[in-house]
């Protein structure tokens, strides 16, 4: 049985990642200063910056929050269509951010409804 080859357009179309979602996620990532010490977030931002013109790349890395706000719709469309930015880098950075922002579970044996006074 012959395998059907996917066209180039099929490889670029990934459900869930739109330029609008990418912009929203990158703004969320850069609004939280955790990006400055998170390896996943820094790698994601470096991957975005690496796809910009050299002058814009340096400016983007200096202030990623302002850099994301200055990106054009065309930049977000190109990033969303890039097969490497979302599955490998973007998803990892966003998952790390979600884990860091998830509410901490109380230690075993303690009940948040009955706090312990020290």
N, C-alpha and C. Protein backbone atom coordinates (compact mmCIF):
# COMPACT_ATOMS: atom_id res chain seq x y z
N UNK A 1 0.84 -1.18 0.00
CA UNK A 1 0.00 0.00 0.00
C UNK A 1 0.89 1.24 0.00
N UNK A 2 0.62 2.15 -0.90
CA UNK A 2 1.40 3.38 -0.98
C UNK A 2 0.88 4.39 0.02
N UNK A 3 1.84 5.06 0.63
CA UNK A 3 1.45 6.12 1.57
C UNK A 3 1.14 7.38 0.80
N UNK A 4 0.10 8.01 1.20
CA UNK A 4 -0.29 9.26 0.56
C UNK A 4 0.59 10.37 1.13
N UNK A 5 1.22 11.12 0.23
CA UNK A 5 2.07 12.24 0.67
C UNK A 5 1.23 13.45 0.95
N UNK A 6 1.56 14.08 2.03
CA UNK A 6 0.85 15.32 2.37
C UNK A 6 1.49 16.47 1.63
N UNK A 7 0.66 17.37 1.20
CA UNK A 7 1.17 18.57 0.55
C UNK A 7 1.77 19.51 1.57
N UNK A 8 2.48 20.50 1.09
CA UNK A 8 3.12 21.44 1.99
C UNK A 8 2.12 22.18 2.86
N UNK A 9 0.98 22.52 2.30
CA UNK A 9 -0.05 23.23 3.06
C UNK A 9 -0.57 22.41 4.22
N UNK A 10 -0.63 21.10 4.07
CA UNK A 10 -1.12 20.25 5.15
C UNK A 10 -0.18 20.26 6.33
N UNK A 11 1.12 20.36 6.06
CA UNK A 11 2.09 20.38 7.14
C UNK A 11 2.01 21.68 7.93
N UNK A 12 1.61 22.77 7.24
CA UNK A 12 1.56 24.07 7.92
C UNK A 12 0.28 24.26 8.72
N UNK A 13 -0.76 23.58 8.35
CA UNK A 13 -2.04 23.76 9.04
C UNK A 13 -2.07 22.91 10.30
N UNK A 14 -2.00 23.58 11.44
CA UNK A 14 -2.09 22.87 12.72
C UNK A 14 -3.28 23.43 13.46
N UNK A 15 -4.20 22.57 13.88
CA UNK A 15 -5.35 23.10 14.61
C UNK A 15 -4.91 23.72 15.93
N UNK A 16 -5.54 24.83 16.26
CA UNK A 16 -5.28 25.44 17.55
C UNK A 16 -4.30 26.59 17.54
N UNK A 17 -3.40 26.64 16.59
CA UNK A 17 -2.43 27.74 16.58
C UNK A 17 -2.79 28.72 15.48
N UNK A 18 -3.26 29.85 15.91
CA UNK A 18 -3.56 30.93 14.98
C UNK A 18 -2.63 32.09 15.32
N UNK A 19 -2.46 33.02 14.40
CA UNK A 19 -1.64 34.19 14.74
C UNK A 19 -2.17 34.92 15.97
N UNK A 20 -3.50 34.96 16.13
CA UNK A 20 -4.08 35.64 17.29
C UNK A 20 -3.73 34.91 18.59
N UNK A 21 -3.80 33.58 18.56
CA UNK A 21 -3.46 32.81 19.76
C UNK A 21 -1.98 32.93 20.07
N UNK A 22 -1.15 32.91 19.05
CA UNK A 22 0.29 33.06 19.25
C UNK A 22 0.59 34.41 19.89
N UNK A 23 -0.04 35.47 19.39
CA UNK A 23 0.17 36.80 19.96
C UNK A 23 -0.27 36.83 21.43
N UNK A 24 -1.44 36.27 21.69
CA UNK A 24 -1.97 36.24 23.06
C UNK A 24 -1.03 35.47 23.99
N UNK A 25 -0.57 34.31 23.55
CA UNK A 25 0.33 33.49 24.37
C UNK A 25 1.66 34.21 24.63
N UNK A 26 2.22 34.83 23.59
CA UNK A 26 3.50 35.52 23.77
C UNK A 26 3.35 36.74 24.68
N UNK A 27 2.23 37.44 24.59
CA UNK A 27 2.00 38.55 25.51
C UNK A 27 1.88 38.04 26.95
N UNK A 28 1.16 36.95 27.13
CA UNK A 28 1.03 36.36 28.47
C UNK A 28 2.40 35.94 29.00
N UNK A 29 3.19 35.33 28.15
CA UNK A 29 4.53 34.86 28.55
C UNK A 29 5.42 36.02 28.96
N UNK A 30 5.39 37.11 28.21
CA UNK A 30 6.28 38.23 28.49
C UNK A 30 5.77 39.16 29.58
N UNK A 31 4.47 39.12 29.88
CA UNK A 31 3.94 39.94 30.98
C UNK A 31 4.43 39.42 32.33
N UNK A 32 4.72 38.16 32.41
CA UNK A 32 5.17 37.55 33.65
C UNK A 32 6.71 37.56 33.63
N UNK A 33 7.32 38.17 34.60
CA UNK A 33 8.79 38.27 34.60
C UNK A 33 9.50 36.94 34.73
N UNK A 34 8.73 35.87 34.91
CA UNK A 34 9.31 34.55 34.98
C UNK A 34 10.11 34.23 33.71
N UNK A 35 9.77 34.87 32.58
CA UNK A 35 10.48 34.59 31.34
C UNK A 35 11.98 34.84 31.49
N UNK A 36 12.34 35.76 32.38
CA UNK A 36 13.76 36.12 32.49
C UNK A 36 14.62 35.02 33.12
N UNK A 37 14.02 34.10 33.86
CA UNK A 37 14.81 32.99 34.42
C UNK A 37 14.33 31.62 33.97
N UNK A 38 13.32 31.58 33.13
CA UNK A 38 12.82 30.30 32.60
C UNK A 38 13.56 29.97 31.31
N UNK A 39 14.25 28.85 31.31
CA UNK A 39 14.99 28.44 30.11
C UNK A 39 14.03 28.23 28.93
N UNK A 40 12.87 27.63 29.20
CA UNK A 40 11.91 27.38 28.12
C UNK A 40 11.42 28.69 27.51
N UNK A 41 11.10 29.66 28.36
CA UNK A 41 10.60 30.95 27.87
C UNK A 41 11.70 31.70 27.11
N UNK A 42 12.91 31.72 27.64
CA UNK A 42 14.00 32.41 26.94
C UNK A 42 14.28 31.75 25.59
N UNK A 43 14.21 30.44 25.53
CA UNK A 43 14.43 29.72 24.27
C UNK A 43 13.33 30.06 23.28
N UNK A 44 12.08 30.13 23.75
CA UNK A 44 10.96 30.49 22.89
C UNK A 44 11.13 31.90 22.34
N UNK A 45 11.48 32.84 23.22
CA UNK A 45 11.65 34.23 22.78
C UNK A 45 12.84 34.37 21.83
N UNK A 46 13.89 33.61 22.07
CA UNK A 46 15.04 33.64 21.16
C UNK A 46 14.65 33.07 19.79
N UNK A 47 13.79 32.05 19.79
CA UNK A 47 13.33 31.47 18.53
C UNK A 47 12.49 32.49 17.75
N UNK A 48 11.68 33.25 18.45
CA UNK A 48 10.89 34.30 17.79
C UNK A 48 11.83 35.37 17.26
N UNK A 49 12.77 35.82 18.08
CA UNK A 49 13.69 36.88 17.67
C UNK A 49 14.55 36.45 16.49
N UNK A 50 14.91 35.19 16.45
CA UNK A 50 15.75 34.69 15.36
C UNK A 50 15.08 34.74 14.01
N UNK A 51 13.79 34.92 13.97
CA UNK A 51 13.07 34.99 12.70
C UNK A 51 12.81 36.43 12.28
N UNK A 52 13.36 37.38 13.02
CA UNK A 52 13.20 38.80 12.69
C UNK A 52 14.45 39.33 12.01
N UNK A 53 14.34 40.51 11.45
CA UNK A 53 15.51 41.19 10.88
C UNK A 53 16.50 41.47 12.00
N UNK A 54 17.81 41.49 11.71
CA UNK A 54 18.82 41.67 12.78
C UNK A 54 18.58 42.88 13.68
N UNK A 55 18.18 44.01 13.12
CA UNK A 55 17.95 45.20 13.95
C UNK A 55 16.77 44.98 14.88
N UNK A 56 15.73 44.35 14.39
CA UNK A 56 14.55 44.07 15.22
C UNK A 56 14.83 42.97 16.23
N UNK A 57 15.70 42.03 15.87
CA UNK A 57 16.03 40.92 16.78
C UNK A 57 16.65 41.45 18.07
N UNK A 58 17.61 42.35 17.96
CA UNK A 58 18.28 42.89 19.15
C UNK A 58 17.28 43.67 20.02
N UNK A 59 16.45 44.46 19.37
CA UNK A 59 15.44 45.23 20.11
C UNK A 59 14.45 44.30 20.81
N UNK A 60 14.04 43.24 20.12
CA UNK A 60 13.10 42.29 20.70
C UNK A 60 13.69 41.62 21.94
N UNK A 61 14.93 41.19 21.87
CA UNK A 61 15.55 40.51 23.00
C UNK A 61 15.82 41.45 24.18
N UNK A 62 15.99 42.73 23.91
CA UNK A 62 16.22 43.70 24.97
C UNK A 62 14.96 43.89 25.82
N UNK A 63 13.79 43.89 25.17
CA UNK A 63 12.52 44.07 25.87
C UNK A 63 11.46 43.22 25.17
N UNK A 64 11.35 41.93 25.52
CA UNK A 64 10.42 41.06 24.81
C UNK A 64 8.96 41.50 24.88
N UNK A 65 8.52 42.08 25.99
CA UNK A 65 7.12 42.51 26.08
C UNK A 65 6.83 43.59 25.04
N UNK A 66 7.68 44.60 24.97
CA UNK A 66 7.51 45.65 23.95
C UNK A 66 7.71 45.06 22.56
N UNK A 67 8.64 44.11 22.45
CA UNK A 67 8.90 43.49 21.15
C UNK A 67 7.69 42.75 20.62
N UNK A 68 6.99 42.02 21.48
CA UNK A 68 5.79 41.29 21.04
C UNK A 68 4.72 42.28 20.62
N UNK A 69 4.58 43.36 21.35
CA UNK A 69 3.57 44.37 20.99
C UNK A 69 3.89 45.05 19.67
N UNK A 70 5.17 45.09 19.29
CA UNK A 70 5.56 45.75 18.04
C UNK A 70 5.55 44.81 16.83
N UNK A 71 5.38 43.52 17.06
CA UNK A 71 5.33 42.60 15.93
C UNK A 71 4.10 42.87 15.09
N UNK A 72 4.26 42.69 13.79
CA UNK A 72 3.15 42.92 12.86
C UNK A 72 2.32 41.64 12.71
N UNK A 73 1.13 41.79 12.18
CA UNK A 73 0.26 40.63 11.93
C UNK A 73 0.98 39.63 11.02
N UNK A 74 1.75 40.12 10.07
CA UNK A 74 2.50 39.25 9.16
C UNK A 74 3.52 38.42 9.92
N UNK A 75 4.17 39.02 10.94
CA UNK A 75 5.14 38.28 11.75
C UNK A 75 4.47 37.13 12.50
N UNK A 76 3.30 37.41 13.09
CA UNK A 76 2.58 36.36 13.82
C UNK A 76 2.11 35.26 12.87
N UNK A 77 1.67 35.64 11.67
CA UNK A 77 1.25 34.64 10.68
C UNK A 77 2.42 33.75 10.29
N UNK A 78 3.59 34.34 10.07
CA UNK A 78 4.78 33.55 9.72
C UNK A 78 5.19 32.62 10.86
N UNK A 79 5.14 33.12 12.08
CA UNK A 79 5.50 32.28 13.23
C UNK A 79 4.51 31.14 13.42
N UNK A 80 3.22 31.42 13.24
CA UNK A 80 2.21 30.38 13.41
C UNK A 80 2.34 29.30 12.34
N UNK A 81 2.81 29.67 11.16
CA UNK A 81 2.96 28.71 10.06
C UNK A 81 4.27 27.93 10.16
N UNK A 82 5.20 28.40 10.97
CA UNK A 82 6.50 27.74 11.11
C UNK A 82 6.32 26.41 11.83
N UNK A 83 6.74 25.30 11.24
CA UNK A 83 6.53 24.00 11.88
C UNK A 83 7.35 23.80 13.16
N UNK A 84 8.33 24.62 13.44
CA UNK A 84 9.14 24.41 14.62
C UNK A 84 8.75 25.24 15.83
N UNK A 85 8.16 26.41 15.62
CA UNK A 85 7.93 27.32 16.75
C UNK A 85 6.89 26.79 17.72
N UNK A 86 5.80 26.22 17.24
CA UNK A 86 4.77 25.82 18.19
C UNK A 86 5.01 24.47 18.83
N UNK A 87 5.16 23.42 18.07
CA UNK A 87 5.24 22.11 18.73
C UNK A 87 6.45 21.93 19.62
N UNK A 88 7.58 22.50 19.26
CA UNK A 88 8.79 22.24 20.06
C UNK A 88 9.06 23.32 21.09
N UNK A 89 8.95 24.53 20.73
CA UNK A 89 9.40 25.63 21.58
C UNK A 89 8.26 26.34 22.29
N UNK A 90 7.30 26.77 21.52
CA UNK A 90 6.19 27.54 22.07
C UNK A 90 5.38 26.71 23.08
N UNK A 91 5.07 25.49 22.70
CA UNK A 91 4.28 24.64 23.60
C UNK A 91 5.03 24.36 24.89
N UNK A 92 6.33 24.15 24.81
CA UNK A 92 7.12 23.90 26.02
C UNK A 92 7.15 25.10 26.94
N UNK A 93 7.30 26.29 26.37
CA UNK A 93 7.33 27.51 27.19
C UNK A 93 5.99 27.76 27.85
N UNK A 94 4.91 27.56 27.12
CA UNK A 94 3.59 27.80 27.68
C UNK A 94 3.24 26.75 28.73
N UNK A 95 3.65 25.50 28.52
CA UNK A 95 3.39 24.46 29.52
C UNK A 95 4.16 24.76 30.81
N UNK A 96 5.39 25.22 30.68
CA UNK A 96 6.19 25.56 31.86
C UNK A 96 5.55 26.74 32.61
N UNK A 97 5.04 27.71 31.88
CA UNK A 97 4.37 28.85 32.52
C UNK A 97 3.12 28.39 33.24
N UNK A 98 2.33 27.54 32.62
CA UNK A 98 1.10 27.04 33.25
C UNK A 98 1.42 26.25 34.52
N UNK A 99 2.47 25.43 34.47
CA UNK A 99 2.87 24.67 35.67
C UNK A 99 3.29 25.62 36.79
N UNK A 100 4.04 26.66 36.45
CA UNK A 100 4.52 27.60 37.46
C UNK A 100 3.38 28.41 38.07
N UNK A 101 2.35 28.68 37.29
CA UNK A 101 1.25 29.50 37.79
C UNK A 101 0.12 28.68 38.41
N UNK A 102 0.22 27.37 38.32
CA UNK A 102 -0.82 26.52 38.91
C UNK A 102 -0.80 26.66 40.43
N UNK A 103 -1.97 26.66 41.04
CA UNK A 103 -2.00 26.79 42.51
C UNK A 103 -1.29 25.62 43.17
N UNK A 104 -0.53 25.94 44.19
CA UNK A 104 0.21 24.90 44.91
C UNK A 104 -0.76 24.10 45.77
N UNK A 105 -0.53 22.81 45.80
CA UNK A 105 -1.34 21.95 46.67
C UNK A 105 -0.78 22.01 48.08
N UNK A 106 -1.66 22.04 49.08
CA UNK A 106 -1.16 22.07 50.45
C UNK A 106 -0.48 20.74 50.80
N UNK A 107 0.46 20.78 51.72
CA UNK A 107 1.12 19.53 52.13
C UNK A 107 0.11 18.53 52.66
N UNK A 108 0.43 17.27 52.54
CA UNK A 108 -0.46 16.22 53.03
C UNK A 108 -0.71 16.38 54.52
N UNK A 109 -1.92 16.15 54.91
CA UNK A 109 -2.27 16.23 56.32
C UNK A 109 -2.81 17.58 56.72
N UNK A 110 -2.60 18.61 55.87
CA UNK A 110 -3.13 19.93 56.18
C UNK A 110 -4.38 20.17 55.35
N UNK A 111 -5.32 20.86 55.96
CA UNK A 111 -6.58 21.16 55.30
C UNK A 111 -6.70 22.68 55.21
N UNK A 112 -6.81 23.23 53.99
CA UNK A 112 -6.90 24.69 53.87
C UNK A 112 -8.13 25.27 54.59
N UNK A 113 -9.12 24.44 54.85
CA UNK A 113 -10.31 24.93 55.57
C UNK A 113 -10.06 25.04 57.06
N UNK A 114 -9.01 24.36 57.55
CA UNK A 114 -8.65 24.42 58.97
C UNK A 114 -7.15 24.75 59.08
N UNK A 115 -6.84 26.05 58.98
CA UNK A 115 -5.43 26.44 58.99
C UNK A 115 -4.76 26.14 60.35
N UNK A 116 -3.47 25.99 60.29
CA UNK A 116 -2.69 25.71 61.49
C UNK A 116 -2.03 27.02 61.93
N UNK A 117 -2.14 27.32 63.21
CA UNK A 117 -1.49 28.52 63.74
C UNK A 117 -0.18 28.12 64.40
N UNK A 118 0.86 28.88 64.14
CA UNK A 118 2.17 28.57 64.74
C UNK A 118 2.50 29.57 65.80
